[in-house]
Protein backbone atom coordinates (compact mmCIF):
# COMPACT_ATOMS: atom_id res chain seq x y z
CA MET A 1 82.71 86.90 111.29
CA MET A 2 84.03 84.87 108.40
CA MET A 3 87.63 85.85 107.71
CA ARG A 4 89.46 85.22 104.46
CA GLY A 5 91.73 86.85 101.93
CA ARG A 6 95.17 86.98 100.50
CA ILE A 7 97.57 89.87 100.31
CA VAL A 8 99.74 90.25 97.23
CA CYS A 9 103.08 91.71 98.25
CA PHE A 10 104.83 93.39 95.36
CA LEU A 11 107.62 95.71 94.44
CA ALA A 12 106.64 98.11 91.70
CA ALA A 13 109.11 100.15 89.68
CA THR A 14 109.16 101.88 86.35
CA ALA A 15 111.65 101.37 83.57
CA THR A 16 111.32 102.79 80.08
CA ASN A 17 107.70 103.61 80.88
CA HIS A 18 106.81 100.00 81.75
CA MET A 19 105.75 98.78 85.20
CA LEU A 20 107.81 95.87 86.47
CA VAL A 21 106.08 93.83 89.18
CA SER A 22 107.43 90.91 91.17
CA SER A 23 104.96 89.28 93.53
CA ALA A 24 104.76 86.76 96.35
CA MET A 25 101.65 85.63 98.19
CA MET A 26 101.05 85.48 101.89
CA THR A 27 97.80 84.15 103.36
CA VAL A 28 96.41 86.38 106.11
CA PRO A 29 93.05 86.48 107.88
CA LEU A 30 91.26 89.38 106.26
CA PRO A 31 87.52 89.99 105.86
CA ALA A 32 85.83 89.42 102.53
CA ARG A 33 85.11 93.16 102.45
CA LEU A 34 88.76 93.67 101.42
CA ASP A 35 88.79 91.16 98.53
CA GLN A 36 88.14 93.84 95.92
CA ALA A 37 90.86 96.11 97.31
CA ILE A 38 93.35 93.24 97.09
CA ALA A 39 92.24 92.27 93.58
CA LYS A 40 92.63 95.83 92.30
CA GLY A 41 96.05 96.30 93.89
CA LEU A 42 94.85 98.81 96.49
CA LEU A 43 95.98 96.78 99.50
CA VAL A 44 99.50 95.40 99.78
CA GLN A 45 101.78 93.99 102.45
CA PRO A 46 105.42 94.86 101.64
CA ARG A 47 106.59 93.53 105.00
CA PRO A 48 105.06 90.98 107.38
CA ASP A 49 104.27 93.76 109.85
CA VAL A 50 103.13 96.49 107.44
CA TYR A 51 99.86 96.84 105.51
CA ILE A 52 99.39 99.71 103.05
CA LEU A 53 95.95 100.71 101.79
CA GLY A 54 95.79 103.02 98.79
CA THR A 55 92.65 105.16 98.76
CA VAL A 56 90.67 107.40 96.41
CA HIS A 57 89.11 110.61 97.67
CA ILE A 58 85.60 109.95 96.39
CA GLY A 59 82.70 107.86 97.65
CA SER A 60 82.81 105.80 100.83
CA GLU A 61 84.46 102.52 99.81
CA SER A 62 87.93 103.62 100.89
CA ALA A 63 86.55 104.61 104.30
CA GLU A 64 84.89 101.22 104.71
CA GLU A 65 88.07 99.42 103.66
CA ALA A 66 90.19 101.43 106.10
CA GLU A 67 87.82 100.51 108.94
CA ALA A 68 87.72 96.85 107.93
CA LEU A 69 91.51 96.59 107.68
CA ILE A 70 92.17 98.22 111.04
CA GLN A 71 89.51 96.17 112.79
CA ALA A 72 90.85 92.95 111.25
CA VAL A 73 94.60 93.29 111.86
CA GLN A 74 94.40 95.33 115.09
CA PRO A 75 97.54 97.39 114.40
CA ARG A 76 99.55 99.07 117.07
CA THR A 77 100.17 102.10 114.85
CA VAL A 78 98.17 103.66 112.02
CA VAL A 79 100.00 106.08 109.70
CA VAL A 80 97.58 108.43 107.95
CA GLU A 81 98.13 110.89 105.10
CA VAL A 82 97.03 113.99 106.99
CA PRO A 83 99.00 116.80 108.64
CA PRO A 84 98.92 117.12 112.46
CA SER A 85 96.48 120.05 112.43
CA ARG A 86 93.99 118.13 110.31
CA MET A 87 94.26 115.07 112.54
CA ASP A 88 93.27 117.25 115.49
CA ARG A 89 90.29 118.66 113.57
CA ILE A 90 89.22 115.17 112.51
CA ARG A 91 89.33 113.92 116.07
CA ARG A 92 87.19 116.81 117.27
CA ALA A 93 84.70 116.20 114.46
CA ASN A 94 84.63 112.46 115.18
CA THR A 95 83.98 113.16 118.86
CA ASN A 96 81.17 115.59 118.09
CA LEU A 97 79.61 113.16 115.65
CA SER A 98 79.78 110.34 118.17
CA ASN A 99 78.31 112.46 120.95
CA GLN A 100 75.41 113.53 118.73
CA GLN A 101 74.84 109.95 117.48
CA GLN A 102 74.78 111.06 113.85
CA GLN A 103 75.87 107.95 112.02
CA GLN A 104 73.49 108.66 109.18
CA GLN A 105 75.18 112.00 108.66
CA GLN A 106 78.45 110.17 107.98
CA GLN A 107 76.81 108.13 105.25
CA SER A 108 74.80 111.02 103.78
CA PRO A 109 76.94 114.17 103.99
CA THR A 110 75.20 117.53 104.03
CA PRO A 111 76.10 120.37 101.67
CA LYS A 112 77.92 122.03 104.51
CA GLN A 113 80.16 119.00 105.01
CA ILE A 114 81.11 118.83 101.35
CA GLY A 115 81.22 122.55 100.66
CA GLY A 116 79.87 124.30 97.59
CA PRO A 117 81.38 126.65 95.00
CA MET A 118 80.83 129.68 97.23
CA ALA A 119 82.79 128.07 100.05
CA ALA A 120 85.59 127.14 97.66
CA ALA A 121 85.69 130.68 96.25
CA GLY A 122 85.71 132.08 99.77
CA SER A 123 88.88 130.16 100.56
CA LEU A 124 90.86 131.74 97.69
CA PRO A 125 91.88 134.99 99.46
CA GLY A 126 93.27 133.04 102.39
CA LEU A 127 95.08 130.65 100.06
CA ALA A 128 96.49 133.56 98.09
CA ALA A 129 97.81 135.25 101.22
CA GLU A 130 99.31 132.00 102.50
CA GLY A 131 100.90 131.26 99.14
CA TRP A 132 102.44 134.72 98.82
CA SER A 133 103.80 134.73 102.38
CA LYS A 134 105.35 131.27 102.09
CA GLY A 135 106.56 131.18 98.51
CA GLY A 136 106.25 134.52 96.75
CA TRP A 137 104.91 134.37 93.21
CA SER A 138 105.45 130.62 92.93
CA GLY A 139 103.60 130.03 96.18
CA LEU A 140 100.79 132.35 95.12
CA VAL A 141 100.29 130.56 91.81
CA PHE A 142 100.39 127.11 93.39
CA ALA A 143 98.00 128.02 96.20
CA THR A 144 95.41 129.72 94.01
CA VAL A 145 95.68 127.90 90.69
CA ILE A 146 96.51 124.35 91.81
CA ILE A 147 94.97 124.07 95.29
CA GLY A 148 92.19 126.57 94.59
CA SER A 149 91.11 124.95 91.34
CA SER A 150 91.12 121.53 93.01
CA LEU A 151 88.77 122.81 95.72
CA MET A 152 86.54 124.41 93.10
CA LYS A 153 86.29 121.22 91.02
CA ARG A 154 85.51 119.25 94.17
CA SER A 155 82.75 121.67 95.10
CA LEU A 156 81.11 121.48 91.66
CA THR A 157 80.43 117.75 92.05
CA ALA A 158 79.15 118.09 95.63
CA ASN A 159 75.44 117.80 94.85
CA GLU A 160 76.01 114.93 92.42
CA GLU A 161 78.03 113.04 95.02
CA MET A 162 75.34 113.56 97.64
CA GLY A 163 72.78 111.96 95.38
CA SER A 164 74.81 109.17 93.77
CA LEU A 165 77.93 108.48 95.78
CA PRO A 166 77.90 109.78 99.38
CA ARG A 167 81.35 110.77 100.54
CA ARG A 168 83.05 109.60 103.71
CA SER A 169 86.61 110.56 104.46
CA GLU A 170 88.83 107.50 104.62
CA PHE A 171 91.21 109.41 106.87
CA SER A 172 88.45 110.28 109.36
CA ALA A 173 87.31 106.67 109.31
CA ALA A 174 90.86 105.37 109.84
CA ILE A 175 91.52 107.71 112.76
CA ALA A 176 88.21 106.79 114.40
CA ALA A 177 88.90 103.06 113.94
CA ALA A 178 92.44 103.44 115.32
CA ASP A 179 91.23 105.41 118.34
CA ALA A 180 88.56 102.77 118.99
CA ILE A 181 91.20 100.05 119.47
CA GLY A 182 93.74 102.26 121.22
CA ALA A 183 96.22 102.34 118.35
CA ARG A 184 98.70 105.17 118.00
CA VAL A 185 97.92 107.48 115.06
CA VAL A 186 100.79 109.10 113.18
CA PRO A 187 99.93 112.11 110.97
CA ALA A 188 102.25 111.74 108.00
CA ASP A 189 101.63 114.69 105.71
CA LEU A 190 102.94 118.25 105.49
CA GLU A 191 100.91 121.21 106.61
CA VAL A 192 99.58 123.31 103.72
CA ASP A 193 102.05 126.13 104.35
CA GLU A 194 104.95 123.66 104.37
CA LEU A 195 103.74 122.12 101.11
CA ILE A 196 103.49 125.56 99.52
CA GLN A 197 107.06 126.31 100.55
CA GLU A 198 108.32 123.03 99.13
CA VAL A 199 106.58 123.57 95.78
CA ALA A 200 107.71 127.21 95.58
CA GLN A 201 111.33 126.18 96.08
CA ALA A 202 111.12 123.39 93.51
CA CYS A 203 109.31 125.55 90.94
CA SER A 204 111.10 128.84 91.52
CA SER A 205 111.95 129.26 87.82
CA PRO A 206 109.31 131.00 85.65
CA VAL A 207 110.08 128.37 83.01
CA SER A 208 108.52 125.70 85.22
CA TRP A 209 105.25 127.60 85.43
CA LEU A 210 105.26 128.46 81.73
CA GLN A 211 105.68 124.79 80.87
CA LEU A 212 102.85 123.88 83.22
CA ALA A 213 100.62 126.61 81.74
CA TYR A 214 101.32 125.27 78.25
CA GLN A 215 100.43 121.75 79.33
CA VAL A 216 97.16 122.90 80.93
CA ALA A 217 96.22 124.89 77.81
CA ALA A 218 97.18 122.06 75.47
CA GLN A 219 95.15 119.56 77.48
CA THR A 220 92.16 121.89 77.53
CA MET A 221 92.28 122.21 73.74
CA GLY A 222 92.73 118.47 73.29
CA LEU A 223 96.22 118.76 71.82
CA VAL A 224 97.81 116.42 74.37
CA PRO A 225 96.40 113.65 76.59
CA VAL A 226 94.83 114.72 79.88
CA ASP A 227 95.61 113.26 83.28
CA PRO A 228 94.07 109.74 83.23
CA ILE A 229 92.59 110.32 86.67
CA ARG A 230 90.34 113.09 85.36
CA ARG A 231 86.68 112.44 84.71
CA LEU A 232 85.86 111.59 81.11
CA PRO A 233 83.11 113.36 79.16
CA GLY A 234 79.80 111.64 79.80
CA GLU A 235 81.24 109.45 82.56
CA THR A 236 78.94 108.99 85.56
CA ILE A 237 80.40 109.75 88.95
CA VAL A 238 79.95 106.10 89.93
CA ASP A 239 81.88 104.88 86.88
CA TRP A 240 84.53 107.53 87.47
CA ALA A 241 85.01 106.40 91.06
CA GLU A 242 85.24 102.76 89.96
CA ARG A 243 87.86 103.58 87.33
CA ARG A 244 89.90 105.50 89.90
CA ARG A 245 89.78 102.52 92.26
CA ASP A 246 92.43 100.69 90.24
CA ILE A 247 96.18 100.80 90.69
CA ARG A 248 96.61 101.05 86.92
CA THR A 249 94.79 104.39 86.83
CA ALA A 250 96.97 105.72 89.65
CA ARG A 251 100.13 104.59 87.87
CA ALA A 252 99.06 106.22 84.64
CA SER A 253 98.25 109.46 86.48
CA ARG A 254 101.59 109.41 88.25
CA HIS A 255 103.44 108.93 84.98
CA HIS A 256 101.44 111.75 83.40
CA GLY A 257 102.48 114.10 86.21
CA GLU A 258 106.13 113.13 85.91
CA MET A 259 106.06 113.93 82.20
CA THR A 260 104.08 117.20 82.30
CA ALA A 261 105.27 118.79 85.58
CA PRO A 262 108.37 116.94 86.83
CA GLU A 263 109.39 119.45 89.52
CA MET A 264 105.93 119.60 91.04
CA SER A 265 105.49 115.84 90.75
CA ARG A 266 108.71 115.33 92.68
CA VAL A 267 107.46 117.45 95.58
CA LEU A 268 103.82 116.34 95.59
CA VAL A 269 104.41 112.65 94.96
CA ASN A 270 108.00 111.38 95.20
CA ASP A 271 109.15 113.37 98.22
CA ARG A 272 105.96 112.56 100.08
CA ASP A 273 106.38 108.86 99.19
CA THR A 274 109.74 109.00 100.93
CA GLN A 275 108.24 110.71 103.96
CA PHE A 276 105.36 108.25 104.28
CA ALA A 277 107.69 105.25 103.93
CA ALA A 278 110.10 106.66 106.52
CA LEU A 279 107.27 107.16 109.01
CA CYS A 280 106.04 103.59 108.43
CA SER A 281 109.55 102.25 109.07
CA SER A 282 110.03 104.36 112.17
CA ALA A 283 106.60 103.27 113.45
CA VAL A 284 107.65 99.62 113.15
CA ASN A 285 110.87 100.33 115.04
CA LYS A 286 109.02 102.31 117.71
CA ASN A 287 106.52 99.50 118.15
CA LYS A 288 109.30 96.98 118.71
CA THR A 289 111.05 99.27 121.19
CA ASN A 290 107.85 99.96 123.09
CA ASN A 291 106.88 96.29 123.05
CA ASN A 292 110.21 95.24 124.56
CA THR A 293 110.08 98.00 127.18
CA SER A 294 106.49 97.24 128.16
CA LYS A 295 107.44 93.62 128.81
CA THR A 296 110.03 94.70 131.37
CA ASN A 297 108.03 97.46 133.04
CA SER A 298 104.47 97.62 131.80
CA THR A 299 103.24 99.63 134.78
CA LYS A 300 104.72 102.91 133.54
CA SER A 301 101.90 105.23 132.57
CA SER A 302 103.80 106.49 129.54
CA LEU A 303 103.79 102.97 128.09
CA ARG A 304 100.23 101.91 128.85
CA LYS A 305 98.94 103.03 125.49
CA TYR A 306 101.33 100.53 123.85
CA GLU A 307 100.08 97.52 125.82
CA TYR A 308 97.85 95.22 123.79
CA ASN A 309 96.48 91.78 124.47
CA ASP A 310 98.21 90.18 121.47
CA SER A 311 101.45 92.23 121.60
CA SER A 312 100.94 92.99 117.91
CA GLU A 313 103.54 95.15 116.21
CA VAL A 314 101.57 95.67 113.01
CA VAL A 315 101.54 99.04 111.24
CA VAL A 316 98.74 100.09 108.88
CA CYS A 317 99.38 102.95 106.45
CA ILE A 318 96.44 104.78 104.84
CA ILE A 319 97.56 106.90 101.87
CA GLY A 320 96.30 108.17 98.52
CA LEU A 321 96.55 105.49 95.83
CA VAL A 322 99.03 107.48 93.72
CA HIS A 323 101.57 107.07 96.55
CA LEU A 324 101.19 103.32 96.99
CA ASP A 325 103.85 102.10 94.54
CA GLY A 326 106.42 104.62 95.76
CA VAL A 327 105.94 103.75 99.42
CA VAL A 328 106.04 100.00 98.73
CA GLU A 329 109.22 100.39 96.69
CA ARG A 330 110.95 102.32 99.48
CA LEU A 331 109.88 99.85 102.15
CA GLU A 332 111.13 96.93 100.05
CA GLN A 333 114.59 98.44 99.64
């Protein structure tokens, strides 16, 4: 296969609402399939041994890019933005899909895979109970209004996506690709109940929720700008996905969140940036430790999964695009 490509390594930061970017180029053997991701700022290499792919949760391009990146660089560790319980579910689903030889099902999801409005509505009681038990009123509001409404919006575009832009999970694809080459997979995200707790603690004041309610109402009435990541009136789902596949859209959305809901933005974006970056760093350190140990005693069964033909110590991190700048910035520090 013809291999080509360049990675733009950059440190992104914000100052007085402007993005400051310093860049340096490093030539690496990457497939042409990743050229667009590099050009749009979705794929960066903040360290020689770390690749970060920012993804969007729509369509299948992010899934294809995750597969292409992992197959090309053959990482020892893949850090993925999913909680441990979801990683286990994904692996079971991947195994079932492989056993049933249903590749076409991956490319053309069924309504059951995507989930419709009824399924989203059916999840609300469970979310409400989880939110109340983990965070009281704040947890209840976050679980039902924020998470619940997100599920409902996702379900309303299910049929349109099936017809125009079939969905494949980039996280499922990344885990399957990592398992195929024997890479270690690190689940990097919080469980839902942990996330609810974190948000409830950060937004414990009624003032926080009142401010958020005002912002939602004002955006609905057109009094203030909406989140740039939202679909525009009359925008096709294909055009919407293409607009989202740009680091500039993610940066604008992140800034919007910081301005309209700073406490929630800190928990949902900034704190998770820190967590993802820390896990990437620790994965690099673990790789080096395991590589050195395997050279001295590679017959130990506990180390066999770290033995690779090329002794690569590369880490690949697959995260939502809104987190990319924050993770890169922390890894560059």
